[in-house]
Amino acid sequence: MQGRVRVRGTYDTKAKKVIPLPTEQPLRYVMTVSAEKWPDGWMVTAINPQGGPTC
């Protein structure tokens, strides 16, 4: 029986090993979102990413 393995990084299929993520790279980002209820459903009006990478 095979189970699932949680990999923190990228898996190299040729070398059959995990390439770990850089230590300075956060695993999660925080984002604040504002939304309004419209007649057809919810509409996102503002997105504020906090601590994410710059574009």
C-alpha atoms as a PDB file:
ATOM      1  CA  MET A   1       0.000   0.000   0.000  1.00  0.00           C
ATOM      2  CA  GLN A   2       1.373   3.402  -0.981  1.00  0.00           C
ATOM      3  CA  GLY A   3       0.748   6.517   1.073  1.00  0.00           C
ATOM      4  CA  ARG A   4       0.985  10.183   0.305  1.00  0.00           C
ATOM      5  CA  VAL A   5       4.150  12.083   1.097  1.00  0.00           C
ATOM      6  CA  ARG A   6       4.141  15.809   1.767  1.00  0.00           C
ATOM      7  CA  VAL A   7       7.025  17.413  -0.094  1.00  0.00           C
ATOM      8  CA  ARG A   8       8.346  20.827   0.956  1.00  0.00           C
ATOM      9  CA  GLY A   9      10.086  21.781  -2.260  1.00  0.00           C
ATOM     10  CA  THR A  10      10.349  20.496  -5.804  1.00  0.00           C
ATOM     11  CA  TYR A  11      10.754  16.834  -6.672  1.00  0.00           C
ATOM     12  CA  ASP A  12      13.429  15.980  -9.263  1.00  0.00           C
ATOM     13  CA  THR A  13      12.070  12.927 -11.097  1.00  0.00           C
ATOM     14  CA  LYS A  14      15.352  12.101 -12.831  1.00  0.00           C
ATOM     15  CA  ALA A  15      17.459  12.207  -9.646  1.00  0.00           C
ATOM     16  CA  LYS A  16      14.515  10.873  -7.578  1.00  0.00           C
ATOM     17  CA  LYS A  17      15.072  13.331  -4.741  1.00  0.00           C
ATOM     18  CA  VAL A  18      13.517  16.447  -3.233  1.00  0.00           C
ATOM     19  CA  ILE A  19      15.060  19.820  -4.015  1.00  0.00           C
ATOM     20  CA  PRO A  20      14.265  21.878  -0.887  1.00  0.00           C
ATOM     21  CA  LEU A  21      12.813  25.377  -0.988  1.00  0.00           C
ATOM     22  CA  PRO A  22      15.151  28.281  -0.203  1.00  0.00           C
ATOM     23  CA  THR A  23      15.151  29.061   3.511  1.00  0.00           C
ATOM     24  CA  GLU A  24      14.295  32.741   2.902  1.00  0.00           C
ATOM     25  CA  GLN A  25      11.143  31.837   0.912  1.00  0.00           C
ATOM     26  CA  PRO A  26       7.982  31.971   3.046  1.00  0.00           C
ATOM     27  CA  LEU A  27       5.658  28.985   2.785  1.00  0.00           C
ATOM     28  CA  ARG A  28       2.503  31.079   3.188  1.00  0.00           C
ATOM     29  CA  TYR A  29       1.417  34.626   2.450  1.00  0.00           C
ATOM     30  CA  VAL A  30      -1.192  36.787   4.194  1.00  0.00           C
ATOM     31  CA  MET A  31      -3.768  38.577   2.053  1.00  0.00           C
ATOM     32  CA  THR A  32      -6.610  40.901   3.042  1.00  0.00           C
ATOM     33  CA  VAL A  33      -9.605  40.995   0.704  1.00  0.00           C
ATOM     34  CA  SER A  34     -12.643  43.285   0.671  1.00  0.00           C
ATOM     35  CA  ALA A  35     -15.826  42.017  -0.962  1.00  0.00           C
ATOM     36  CA  GLU A  36     -19.344  43.299  -1.534  1.00  0.00           C
ATOM     37  CA  LYS A  37     -22.570  41.356  -1.960  1.00  0.00           C
ATOM     38  CA  TRP A  38     -24.027  42.169  -5.398  1.00  0.00           C
ATOM     39  CA  PRO A  39     -27.331  40.883  -6.859  1.00  0.00           C
ATOM     40  CA  ASP A  40     -25.457  38.263  -8.948  1.00  0.00           C
ATOM     41  CA  GLY A  41     -23.141  37.163  -6.110  1.00  0.00           C
ATOM     42  CA  TRP A  42     -20.016  38.361  -4.312  1.00  0.00           C
ATOM     43  CA  MET A  43     -17.642  40.856  -5.976  1.00  0.00           C
ATOM     44  CA  VAL A  44     -14.057  41.341  -4.764  1.00  0.00           C
ATOM     45  CA  THR A  45     -13.435  45.091  -4.524  1.00  0.00           C
ATOM     46  CA  ALA A  46      -9.888  45.237  -3.100  1.00  0.00           C
ATOM     47  CA  ILE A  47      -6.961  42.854  -2.597  1.00  0.00           C
ATOM     48  CA  ASN A  48      -4.069  43.700  -0.277  1.00  0.00           C
ATOM     49  CA  PRO A  49      -1.218  41.128  -0.317  1.00  0.00           C
ATOM     50  CA  GLN A  50       1.053  41.467   2.697  1.00  0.00           C
ATOM     51  CA  GLY A  51       4.626  40.228   2.593  1.00  0.00           C
ATOM     52  CA  GLY A  52       4.366  38.719  -0.868  1.00  0.00           C
ATOM     53  CA  PRO A  53       6.997  39.003  -3.566  1.00  0.00           C
ATOM     54  CA  THR A  54       7.179  42.226  -5.573  1.00  0.00           C
ATOM     55  CA  CYS A  55       6.246  42.060  -9.227  1.00  0.00           C
END
